[in-house]
PDB file of all heavy atoms in Angstrom:
ATOM      1  N   ARG A   1      74.554-100.902  53.874  1.00  0.00           N
ATOM      2  CA  ARG A   1      75.002 -99.768  54.677  1.00  0.00           C
ATOM      3  C   ARG A   1      76.521 -99.599  54.566  1.00  0.00           C
ATOM      4  O   ARG A   1      77.019 -98.488  54.438  1.00  0.00           O
ATOM      5  CB  ARG A   1      74.598 -99.969  56.140  1.00  0.00           C
ATOM      6  CG  ARG A   1      74.830 -98.747  57.026  1.00  0.00           C
ATOM      7  CD  ARG A   1      74.540 -99.065  58.488  1.00  0.00           C
ATOM      8  NE  ARG A   1      73.217 -99.614  58.688  1.00  0.00           N
ATOM      9  CZ  ARG A   1      72.108 -98.870  58.829  1.00  0.00           C
ATOM     10  NH1 ARG A   1      72.198 -97.552  58.809  1.00  0.00           N
ATOM     11  NH2 ARG A   1      70.942 -99.456  59.029  1.00  0.00           N
ATOM     12  N   VAL A   2      77.243-100.704  54.622  1.00  0.00           N
ATOM     13  CA  VAL A   2      78.704-100.653  54.528  1.00  0.00           C
ATOM     14  C   VAL A   2      79.139-100.067  53.191  1.00  0.00           C
ATOM     15  O   VAL A   2      80.051 -99.231  53.130  1.00  0.00           O
ATOM     16  CB  VAL A   2      79.306-102.064  54.725  1.00  0.00           C
ATOM     17  CG1 VAL A   2      80.781-102.105  54.333  1.00  0.00           C
ATOM     18  CG2 VAL A   2      79.136-102.505  56.179  1.00  0.00           C
ATOM     19  N   ARG A   3      78.487-100.499  52.121  1.00  0.00           N
ATOM     20  CA  ARG A   3      78.834 -99.988  50.783  1.00  0.00           C
ATOM     21  C   ARG A   3      78.504 -98.505  50.654  1.00  0.00           C
ATOM     22  O   ARG A   3      79.314 -97.717  50.158  1.00  0.00           O
ATOM     23  CB  ARG A   3      78.104-100.789  49.700  1.00  0.00           C
ATOM     24  CG  ARG A   3      78.588-102.227  49.556  1.00  0.00           C
ATOM     25  CD  ARG A   3      78.079-102.848  48.263  1.00  0.00           C
ATOM     26  NE  ARG A   3      76.631-102.964  48.231  1.00  0.00           N
ATOM     27  CZ  ARG A   3      75.948-104.025  48.677  1.00  0.00           C
ATOM     28  NH1 ARG A   3      76.599-105.050  49.216  1.00  0.00           N
ATOM     29  NH2 ARG A   3      74.626-104.061  48.589  1.00  0.00           N
ATOM     30  N   ARG A   4      77.321 -98.127  51.113  1.00  0.00           N
ATOM     31  CA  ARG A   4      76.884 -96.733  50.963  1.00  0.00           C
ATOM     32  C   ARG A   4      77.732 -95.771  51.781  1.00  0.00           C
ATOM     33  O   ARG A   4      78.007 -94.645  51.348  1.00  0.00           O
ATOM     34  CB  ARG A   4      75.417 -96.606  51.371  1.00  0.00           C
ATOM     35  CG  ARG A   4      74.433 -97.141  50.343  1.00  0.00           C
ATOM     36  CD  ARG A   4      72.997 -97.025  50.850  1.00  0.00           C
ATOM     37  NE  ARG A   4      72.021 -97.361  49.822  1.00  0.00           N
ATOM     38  CZ  ARG A   4      70.716 -97.480  50.044  1.00  0.00           C
ATOM     39  NH1 ARG A   4      70.239 -97.293  51.283  1.00  0.00           N
ATOM     40  NH2 ARG A   4      69.895 -97.801  49.059  1.00  0.00           N
ATOM     41  N   GLN A   5      78.157 -96.203  52.962  1.00  0.00           N
ATOM     42  CA  GLN A   5      78.898 -95.316  53.852  1.00  0.00           C
ATOM     43  C   GLN A   5      80.408 -95.564  53.812  1.00  0.00           C
ATOM     44  O   GLN A   5      81.153 -94.954  54.573  1.00  0.00           O
ATOM     45  CB  GLN A   5      78.362 -95.461  55.281  1.00  0.00           C
ATOM     46  CG  GLN A   5      76.890 -95.082  55.392  1.00  0.00           C
ATOM     47  CD  GLN A   5      76.404 -94.994  56.830  1.00  0.00           C
ATOM     48  OE1 GLN A   5      77.160 -94.694  57.754  1.00  0.00           O
ATOM     49  NE2 GLN A   5      75.123 -95.259  57.033  1.00  0.00           N
ATOM     50  N   HIS A   6      80.842 -96.428  52.908  1.00  0.00           N
ATOM     51  CA  HIS A   6      82.279 -96.676  52.699  1.00  0.00           C
ATOM     52  C   HIS A   6      82.975 -97.016  54.026  1.00  0.00           C
ATOM     53  O   HIS A   6      83.987 -96.403  54.381  1.00  0.00           O
ATOM     54  CB  HIS A   6      82.949 -95.465  52.031  1.00  0.00           C
ATOM     55  CG  HIS A   6      82.266 -95.016  50.778  1.00  0.00           C
ATOM     56  ND1 HIS A   6      82.327 -95.729  49.598  1.00  0.00           N
ATOM     57  CD2 HIS A   6      81.478 -93.935  50.523  1.00  0.00           C
ATOM     58  CE1 HIS A   6      81.617 -95.107  48.658  1.00  0.00           C
ATOM     59  NE2 HIS A   6      81.094 -94.022  49.200  1.00  0.00           N
ATOM     60  N   LEU A   7      82.436 -97.989  54.713  1.00  0.00           N
ATOM     61  CA  LEU A   7      82.968 -98.382  56.019  1.00  0.00           C
ATOM     62  C   LEU A   7      84.084 -99.410  55.808  1.00  0.00           C
ATOM     63  O   LEU A   7      83.879-100.621  55.909  1.00  0.00           O
ATOM     64  CB  LEU A   7      81.852 -98.942  56.896  1.00  0.00           C
ATOM     65  CG  LEU A   7      80.659 -97.988  57.128  1.00  0.00           C
ATOM     66  CD1 LEU A   7      79.575 -98.679  57.945  1.00  0.00           C
ATOM     67  CD2 LEU A   7      81.115 -96.709  57.819  1.00  0.00           C
ATOM     68  N   SER A   8      85.266 -98.916  55.525  1.00  0.00           N
ATOM     69  CA  SER A   8      86.386 -99.777  55.136  1.00  0.00           C
ATOM     70  C   SER A   8      86.929-100.611  56.290  1.00  0.00           C
ATOM     71  O   SER A   8      87.687-101.561  56.064  1.00  0.00           O
ATOM     72  CB  SER A   8      87.519 -98.927  54.547  1.00  0.00           C
ATOM     73  OG  SER A   8      87.949 -97.956  55.488  1.00  0.00           O
ATOM     74  N   ASN A   9      86.571-100.269  57.516  1.00  0.00           N
ATOM     75  CA  ASN A   9      87.059-101.045  58.665  1.00  0.00           C
ATOM     76  C   ASN A   9      86.153-102.226  59.024  1.00  0.00           C
ATOM     77  O   ASN A   9      86.423-102.939  59.983  1.00  0.00           O
ATOM     78  CB  ASN A   9      87.233-100.141  59.894  1.00  0.00           C
ATOM     79  CG  ASN A   9      85.929 -99.519  60.345  1.00  0.00           C
ATOM     80  OD1 ASN A   9      85.070 -99.188  59.530  1.00  0.00           O
ATOM     81  ND2 ASN A   9      85.766 -99.336  61.653  1.00  0.00           N
ATOM     82  N   VAL A  10      85.085-102.418  58.257  1.00  0.00           N
ATOM     83  CA  VAL A  10      84.251-103.601  58.433  1.00  0.00           C
ATOM     84  C   VAL A  10      84.837-104.706  57.573  1.00  0.00           C
ATOM     85  O   VAL A  10      84.746-104.676  56.347  1.00  0.00           O
ATOM     86  CB  VAL A  10      82.780-103.322  58.051  1.00  0.00           C
ATOM     87  CG1 VAL A  10      81.941-104.587  58.190  1.00  0.00           C
ATOM     88  CG2 VAL A  10      82.212-102.207  58.923  1.00  0.00           C
ATOM     89  N   ASP A  11      85.459-105.681  58.222  1.00  0.00           N
ATOM     90  CA  ASP A  11      86.171-106.726  57.491  1.00  0.00           C
ATOM     91  C   ASP A  11      85.244-107.769  56.892  1.00  0.00           C
ATOM     92  O   ASP A  11      85.481-108.269  55.798  1.00  0.00           O
ATOM     93  CB  ASP A  11      87.168-107.432  58.425  1.00  0.00           C
ATOM     94  CG  ASP A  11      88.314-106.531  58.848  1.00  0.00           C
ATOM     95  OD1 ASP A  11      88.538-105.502  58.181  1.00  0.00           O
ATOM     96  OD2 ASP A  11      88.977-106.860  59.854  1.00  0.00           O
ATOM     97  N   ASP A  12      84.178-108.126  57.612  1.00  0.00           N
ATOM     98  CA  ASP A  12      83.294-109.173  57.107  1.00  0.00           C
ATOM     99  C   ASP A  12      81.955-109.119  57.822  1.00  0.00           C
ATOM    100  O   ASP A  12      81.869-108.692  58.977  1.00  0.00           O
ATOM    101  CB  ASP A  12      83.924-110.549  57.331  1.00  0.00           C
ATOM    102  CG  ASP A  12      83.692-111.487  56.150  1.00  0.00           C
ATOM    103  OD1 ASP A  12      82.747-111.243  55.369  1.00  0.00           O
ATOM    104  OD2 ASP A  12      84.456-112.453  56.005  1.00  0.00           O
ATOM    105  N   LEU A  13      80.916-109.568  57.121  1.00  0.00           N
ATOM    106  CA  LEU A  13      79.574-109.710  57.683  1.00  0.00           C
ATOM    107  C   LEU A  13      79.102-111.106  57.311  1.00  0.00           C
ATOM    108  O   LEU A  13      78.926-111.417  56.131  1.00  0.00           O
ATOM    109  CB  LEU A  13      78.625-108.646  57.126  1.00  0.00           C
ATOM    110  CG  LEU A  13      78.956-107.197  57.512  1.00  0.00           C
ATOM    111  CD1 LEU A  13      78.092-106.216  56.712  1.00  0.00           C
ATOM    112  CD2 LEU A  13      78.761-106.969  59.002  1.00  0.00           C
ATOM    113  N   LEU A  14      78.899-111.957  58.319  1.00  0.00           N
ATOM    114  CA  LEU A  14      78.700-113.375  58.086  1.00  0.00           C
ATOM    115  C   LEU A  14      77.415-113.877  58.727  1.00  0.00           C
ATOM    116  O   LEU A  14      77.077-113.483  59.843  1.00  0.00           O
ATOM    117  CB  LEU A  14      79.876-114.168  58.673  1.00  0.00           C
ATOM    118  CG  LEU A  14      81.273-113.770  58.183  1.00  0.00           C
ATOM    119  CD1 LEU A  14      82.338-114.433  59.036  1.00  0.00           C
ATOM    120  CD2 LEU A  14      81.443-114.138  56.721  1.00  0.00           C
ATOM    121  N   GLU A  15      76.714-114.762  58.021  1.00  0.00           N
ATOM    122  CA  GLU A  15      75.549-115.424  58.589  1.00  0.00           C
ATOM    123  C   GLU A  15      76.054-116.595  59.430  1.00  0.00           C
ATOM    124  O   GLU A  15      76.628-117.551  58.894  1.00  0.00           O
ATOM    125  CB  GLU A  15      74.610-115.913  57.487  1.00  0.00           C
ATOM    126  CG  GLU A  15      73.294-116.450  58.011  1.00  0.00           C
ATOM    127  CD  GLU A  15      72.274-116.715  56.916  1.00  0.00           C
ATOM    128  OE1 GLU A  15      72.409-116.167  55.802  1.00  0.00           O
ATOM    129  OE2 GLU A  15      71.328-117.493  57.194  1.00  0.00           O
ATOM    130  N   MET A  16      75.846-116.515  60.738  1.00  0.00           N
ATOM    131  CA  MET A  16      76.475-117.482  61.633  1.00  0.00           C
ATOM    132  C   MET A  16      75.700-117.557  62.943  1.00  0.00           C
ATOM    133  O   MET A  16      75.137-116.566  63.403  1.00  0.00           O
ATOM    134  CB  MET A  16      77.931-117.050  61.897  1.00  0.00           C
ATOM    135  CG  MET A  16      78.817-118.119  62.481  1.00  0.00           C
ATOM    136  SD  MET A  16      80.549-117.525  62.640  1.00  0.00           S
ATOM    137  CE  MET A  16      81.045-117.452  60.911  1.00  0.00           C
ATOM    138  N   ASP A  17      75.698-118.739  63.526  1.00  0.00           N
ATOM    139  CA  ASP A  17      75.072-118.968  64.819  1.00  0.00           C
ATOM    140  C   ASP A  17      76.026-118.502  65.914  1.00  0.00           C
ATOM    141  O   ASP A  17      77.142-119.010  66.031  1.00  0.00           O
ATOM    142  CB  ASP A  17      74.774-120.462  64.978  1.00  0.00           C
ATOM    143  CG  ASP A  17      74.032-120.805  66.256  1.00  0.00           C
ATOM    144  OD1 ASP A  17      73.924-119.934  67.149  1.00  0.00           O
ATOM    145  OD2 ASP A  17      73.557-121.949  66.373  1.00  0.00           O
ATOM    146  N   ALA A  18      75.593-117.556  66.736  1.00  0.00           N
ATOM    147  CA  ALA A  18      76.462-116.987  67.767  1.00  0.00           C
ATOM    148  C   ALA A  18      76.838-118.001  68.839  1.00  0.00           C
ATOM    149  O   ALA A  18      77.842-117.832  69.527  1.00  0.00           O
ATOM    150  CB  ALA A  18      75.779-115.784  68.422  1.00  0.00           C
ATOM    151  N   GLU A  19      76.046-119.056  68.990  1.00  0.00           N
ATOM    152  CA  GLU A  19      76.345-120.075  69.991  1.00  0.00           C
ATOM    153  C   GLU A  19      77.374-121.088  69.508  1.00  0.00           C
ATOM    154  O   GLU A  19      77.911-121.855  70.307  1.00  0.00           O
ATOM    155  CB  GLU A  19      75.064-120.808  70.393  1.00  0.00           C
ATOM    156  CG  GLU A  19      74.061-119.926  71.117  1.00  0.00           C
ATOM    157  CD  GLU A  19      72.835-120.699  71.567  1.00  0.00           C
ATOM    158  OE1 GLU A  19      72.828-121.945  71.424  1.00  0.00           O
ATOM    159  OE2 GLU A  19      71.884-120.067  72.054  1.00  0.00           O
ATOM    160  N   ALA A  20      77.657-121.087  68.196  1.00  0.00           N
ATOM    161  CA  ALA A  20      78.608-122.050  67.630  1.00  0.00           C
ATOM    162  C   ALA A  20      79.244-121.424  66.397  1.00  0.00           C
ATOM    163  O   ALA A  20      78.908-121.782  65.265  1.00  0.00           O
ATOM    164  CB  ALA A  20      77.911-123.360  67.289  1.00  0.00           C
ATOM    165  N   THR A  21      80.146-120.481  66.607  1.00  0.00           N
ATOM    166  CA  THR A  21      80.779-119.790  65.493  1.00  0.00           C
ATOM    167  C   THR A  21      81.864-120.667  64.871  1.00  0.00           C
ATOM    168  O   THR A  21      82.227-121.724  65.398  1.00  0.00           O
ATOM    169  CB  THR A  21      81.402-118.461  65.943  1.00  0.00           C
ATOM    170  OG1 THR A  21      82.576-118.726  66.725  1.00  0.00           O
ATOM    171  CG2 THR A  21      80.411-117.630  66.749  1.00  0.00           C
ATOM    172  N   LYS A  22      82.405-120.191  63.755  1.00  0.00           N
ATOM    173  CA  LYS A  22      83.459-120.927  63.045  1.00  0.00           C
ATOM    174  C   LYS A  22      84.843-120.338  63.312  1.00  0.00           C
ATOM    175  O   LYS A  22      85.817-120.742  62.676  1.00  0.00           O
ATOM    176  CB  LYS A  22      83.179-120.890  61.535  1.00  0.00           C
ATOM    177  CG  LYS A  22      81.794-121.370  61.134  1.00  0.00           C
ATOM    178  CD  LYS A  22      81.538-122.805  61.528  1.00  0.00           C
ATOM    179  CE  LYS A  22      80.163-123.273  61.030  1.00  0.00           C
ATOM    180  NZ  LYS A  22      79.857-124.645  61.470  1.00  0.00           N
ATOM    181  N   PHE A  23      84.949-119.413  64.255  1.00  0.00           N
ATOM    182  CA  PHE A  23      86.223-118.740  64.503  1.00  0.00           C
ATOM    183  C   PHE A  23      87.138-119.593  65.380  1.00  0.00           C
ATOM    184  O   PHE A  23      86.678-120.360  66.224  1.00  0.00           O
ATOM    185  CB  PHE A  23      85.986-117.379  65.174  1.00  0.00           C
ATOM    186  CG  PHE A  23      85.066-116.484  64.408  1.00  0.00           C
ATOM    187  CD1 PHE A  23      83.833-116.103  64.937  1.00  0.00           C
ATOM    188  CD2 PHE A  23      85.418-116.012  63.149  1.00  0.00           C
ATOM    189  CE1 PHE A  23      82.976-115.274  64.234  1.00  0.00           C
ATOM    190  CE2 PHE A  23      84.562-115.178  62.436  1.00  0.00           C
ATOM    191  CZ  PHE A  23      83.350-114.816  62.976  1.00  0.00           C
ATOM    192  N   ALA A  24      88.441-119.396  65.193  1.00  0.00           N
ATOM    193  CA  ALA A  24      89.423-120.080  66.037  1.00  0.00           C
ATOM    194  C   ALA A  24      89.442-119.458  67.428  1.00  0.00           C
ATOM    195  O   ALA A  24      88.998-118.322  67.634  1.00  0.00           O
ATOM    196  CB  ALA A  24      90.812-119.966  65.399  1.00  0.00           C
ATOM    197  N   ASP A  25      89.949-120.204  68.390  1.00  0.00           N
ATOM    198  CA  ASP A  25      90.095-119.691  69.754  1.00  0.00           C
ATOM    199  C   ASP A  25      90.915-118.404  69.756  1.00  0.00           C
ATOM    200  O   ASP A  25      91.920-118.294  69.041  1.00  0.00           O
ATOM    201  CB  ASP A  25      90.809-120.716  70.642  1.00  0.00           C
ATOM    202  CG  ASP A  25      90.002-121.988  70.863  1.00  0.00           C
ATOM    203  OD1 ASP A  25      88.879-122.084  70.331  1.00  0.00           O
ATOM    204  OD2 ASP A  25      90.506-122.877  71.573  1.00  0.00           O
ATOM    205  N   GLY A  26      90.477-117.434  70.563  1.00  0.00           N
ATOM    206  CA  GLY A  26      91.250-116.209  70.745  1.00  0.00           C
ATOM    207  C   GLY A  26      91.400-115.362  69.503  1.00  0.00           C
ATOM    208  O   GLY A  26      92.387-114.635  69.359  1.00  0.00           O
ATOM    209  N   THR A  27      90.423-115.395  68.616  1.00  0.00           N
ATOM    210  CA  THR A  27      90.509-114.619  67.371  1.00  0.00           C
ATOM    211  C   THR A  27      90.372-113.123  67.615  1.00  0.00           C
ATOM    212  O   THR A  27      90.999-112.316  66.925  1.00  0.00           O
ATOM    213  CB  THR A  27      89.416-115.074  66.380  1.00  0.00           C
ATOM    214  OG1 THR A  27      89.635-116.444  66.040  1.00  0.00           O
ATOM    215  CG2 THR A  27      89.416-114.230  65.115  1.00  0.00           C
ATOM    216  N   PHE A  28      89.574-112.725  68.604  1.00  0.00           N
ATOM    217  CA  PHE A  28      89.210-111.324  68.773  1.00  0.00           C
ATOM    218  C   PHE A  28      89.727-110.759  70.097  1.00  0.00           C
ATOM    219  O   PHE A  28      89.926-111.476  71.073  1.00  0.00           O
ATOM    220  CB  PHE A  28      87.693-111.158  68.703  1.00  0.00           C
ATOM    221  CG  PHE A  28      87.104-111.608  67.399  1.00  0.00           C
ATOM    222  CD1 PHE A  28      86.542-112.880  67.276  1.00  0.00           C
ATOM    223  CD2 PHE A  28      87.138-110.784  66.289  1.00  0.00           C
ATOM    224  CE1 PHE A  28      86.011-113.303  66.071  1.00  0.00           C
ATOM    225  CE2 PHE A  28      86.615-111.205  65.075  1.00  0.00           C
ATOM    226  CZ  PHE A  28      86.049-112.475  64.964  1.00  0.00           C
ATOM    227  N   ASP A  29      89.934-109.428  70.086  1.00  0.00           N
ATOM    228  CA  ASP A  29      90.290-108.707  71.312  1.00  0.00           C
ATOM    229  C   ASP A  29      89.050-108.351  72.118  1.00  0.00           C
ATOM    230  O   ASP A  29      89.092-108.271  73.348  1.00  0.00           O
ATOM    231  CB  ASP A  29      91.046-107.418  70.958  1.00  0.00           C
ATOM    232  CG  ASP A  29      92.314-107.686  70.166  1.00  0.00           C
ATOM    233  OD1 ASP A  29      93.189-108.395  70.688  1.00  0.00           O
ATOM    234  OD2 ASP A  29      92.413-107.195  69.015  1.00  0.00           O
ATOM    235  N   ILE A  30      87.956-108.117  71.402  1.00  0.00           N
ATOM    236  CA  ILE A  30      86.707-107.664  72.021  1.00  0.00           C
ATOM    237  C   ILE A  30      85.545-108.341  71.309  1.00  0.00           C
ATOM    238  O   ILE A  30      85.557-108.479  70.075  1.00  0.00           O
ATOM    239  CB  ILE A  30      86.539-106.132  71.892  1.00  0.00           C
ATOM    240  CG1 ILE A  30      87.730-105.381  72.499  1.00  0.00           C
ATOM    241  CG2 ILE A  30      85.233-105.658  72.534  1.00  0.00           C
ATOM    242  CD1 ILE A  30      87.800-103.921  72.080  1.00  0.00           C
ATOM    243  N   ALA A  31      84.546-108.749  72.064  1.00  0.00           N
ATOM    244  CA  ALA A  31      83.271-109.187  71.479  1.00  0.00           C
ATOM    245  C   ALA A  31      82.166-108.358  72.113  1.00  0.00           C
ATOM    246  O   ALA A  31      82.158-108.157  73.333  1.00  0.00           O
ATOM    247  CB  ALA A  31      83.025-110.667  71.720  1.00  0.00           C
ATOM    248  N   VAL A  32      81.262-107.871  71.297  1.00  0.00           N
ATOM    249  CA  VAL A  32      80.144-107.084  71.802  1.00  0.00           C
ATOM    250  C   VAL A  32      78.856-107.643  71.223  1.00  0.00           C
ATOM    251  O   VAL A  32      78.750-107.872  70.017  1.00  0.00           O
ATOM    252  CB  VAL A  32      80.306-105.580  71.469  1.00  0.00           C
ATOM    253  CG1 VAL A  32      80.478-105.338  69.975  1.00  0.00           C
ATOM    254  CG2 VAL A  32      79.136-104.773  72.017  1.00  0.00           C
ATOM    255  N   ALA A  33      77.898-107.920  72.088  1.00  0.00           N
ATOM    256  CA  ALA A  33      76.606-108.469  71.690  1.00  0.00           C
ATOM    257  C   ALA A  33      75.530-107.474  72.069  1.00  0.00           C
ATOM    258  O   ALA A  33      75.281-107.253  73.263  1.00  0.00           O
ATOM    259  CB  ALA A  33      76.370-109.821  72.359  1.00  0.00           C
ATOM    260  N   MET A  34      74.901-106.882  71.081  1.00  0.00           N
ATOM    261  CA  MET A  34      73.895-105.848  71.322  1.00  0.00           C
ATOM    262  C   MET A  34      72.504-106.422  71.109  1.00  0.00           C
ATOM    263  O   MET A  34      72.169-106.853  70.003  1.00  0.00           O
ATOM    264  CB  MET A  34      74.124-104.664  70.385  1.00  0.00           C
ATOM    265  CG  MET A  34      75.508-104.067  70.473  1.00  0.00           C
ATOM    266  SD  MET A  34      75.657-102.568  69.469  1.00  0.00           S
ATOM    267  CE  MET A  34      77.444-102.419  69.377  1.00  0.00           C
ATOM    268  N   PHE A  35      71.707-106.464  72.180  1.00  0.00           N
ATOM    269  CA  PHE A  35      70.314-106.901  72.110  1.00  0.00           C
ATOM    270  C   PHE A  35      70.203-108.328  71.574  1.00  0.00           C
ATOM    271  O   PHE A  35      69.299-108.643  70.810  1.00  0.00           O
ATOM    272  CB  PHE A  35      69.496-105.921  71.256  1.00  0.00           C
ATOM    273  CG  PHE A  35      69.758-104.479  71.585  1.00  0.00           C
ATOM    274  CD1 PHE A  35      70.486-103.665  70.739  1.00  0.00           C
ATOM    275  CD2 PHE A  35      69.318-103.949  72.784  1.00  0.00           C
ATOM    276  CE1 PHE A  35      70.755-102.344  71.069  1.00  0.00           C
ATOM    277  CE2 PHE A  35      69.573-102.625  73.121  1.00  0.00           C
ATOM    278  CZ  PHE A  35      70.295-101.822  72.265  1.00  0.00           C
TER     279      PHE A  35
END
């Protein structure tokens, strides 16, 4: 979808466990969890 719609603001799509991510503390301004 990102390639077809040229969504240049999508930085990354990663296979990851939401309960134990690999991100550093305070990486994001907003987190949104849909369904």
